[in-house]
Amino acid sequence: MKLTIDRLIKLIPEWKGKLIKVDPINRGITNINFKVNVDKRVFFLSIPDSDSELLNIDYRNKYYNNKICGDIKISPRVVHFIESDNLLVTEFIKSKTSSLTIFQSSKEIKQLVKKIKLLHNAKPFLRNFNMLSQISYYKNILKEEYLPKELFKYVNNIETLKQKLYLTKDNLVPCHNDLIAENIIKKDNQIYIVDFDYSGNNDPCFELGNLSVEMEYDDEQINKLVRFYYGEINENIISKVYLQGVVSDIGWSLWSYVQAKISNNNFDYSMHGLNRLERAINKMESKEYELWIKNI
């Protein structure tokens, strides 16, 4: 969709007659983002990249879940959702660019866990999310010709964990599922979570496992993460968190290879996918990996 002010006014009639200024924000790796000034108010506007159809994103689910979190101040409040164009407008929160270095200390990890627990205790999200199902979906899109051959061995290996990591619907909680540093905004000691593309009800251990690999936490930091969240550390929980971190890396590696196939973005998806794949393989080849499986 080509974004023009005339197009915006047609989609959001209440902006007609107001002074509108649209400024592109650094392009994300899935969506195209804008800062929109409407008279004296400022909004964040996001639309899907035209190449993103194969990424299995349910934009109504994204809006629904973002609205839940905006209403309880976990994320910026949703202002508009135009389903015909999958256009989402939220409050604009001005902050410094997030980086994983912000969330490394015990104090920051504890603060982040507090926000995640608020998220996990929110109203149920519209749909469930399971990265192992996503892995199967991406694998079917890619086939062997688009991937390093060694990847399929490890994808097939990780898929055998489906039953071991399975949770009944009653044990799922609202999860973001993609807690990269760029999706966590910090302003005035307040944390906001943004970008609900892959949000859904899920195992909280996946949320923690995903966070641990995105923030590149070491074993000590992962122990703190689990203790702050659960109040204790036991072998079953810690093993699930490590395994779900591996699942996350495999899943987002496949996602990256899909993007490398379809996207025109100026981003090296293949290298991103390879780095995640290598990190996952190193863990799957380690002596700890079999112990984690035995512990769940």
Foldseek 3Di string as FASTA:
>chain_A
DDDDPVVVCVQVVVLPPWDKDWAWDPQDLFWTWIWIQTHPFIKIKIFGDPLRPLQPFDLVLLLQLQCQCCVVVQAFHWDDARPVRSMTIGGDDDAPQFALVVQADLVNLLLVLVSQVVQQPTDFGPAAADLLVLLVSLCVVQPDVLDDPVLVVVNVVLNVCCVVQDDDPVQWTWAQLAPARRQWGDDPNRIHGDDSRRIHTDHVLLRLLCVCVNSVPDPVSSLSNCCSNPVHDDLLSSLSNVSSVLSSLSSQLSSLSSCVVGPPDPDNSNVSSVVSSVVSVVLCPDPVNVVSSVSD
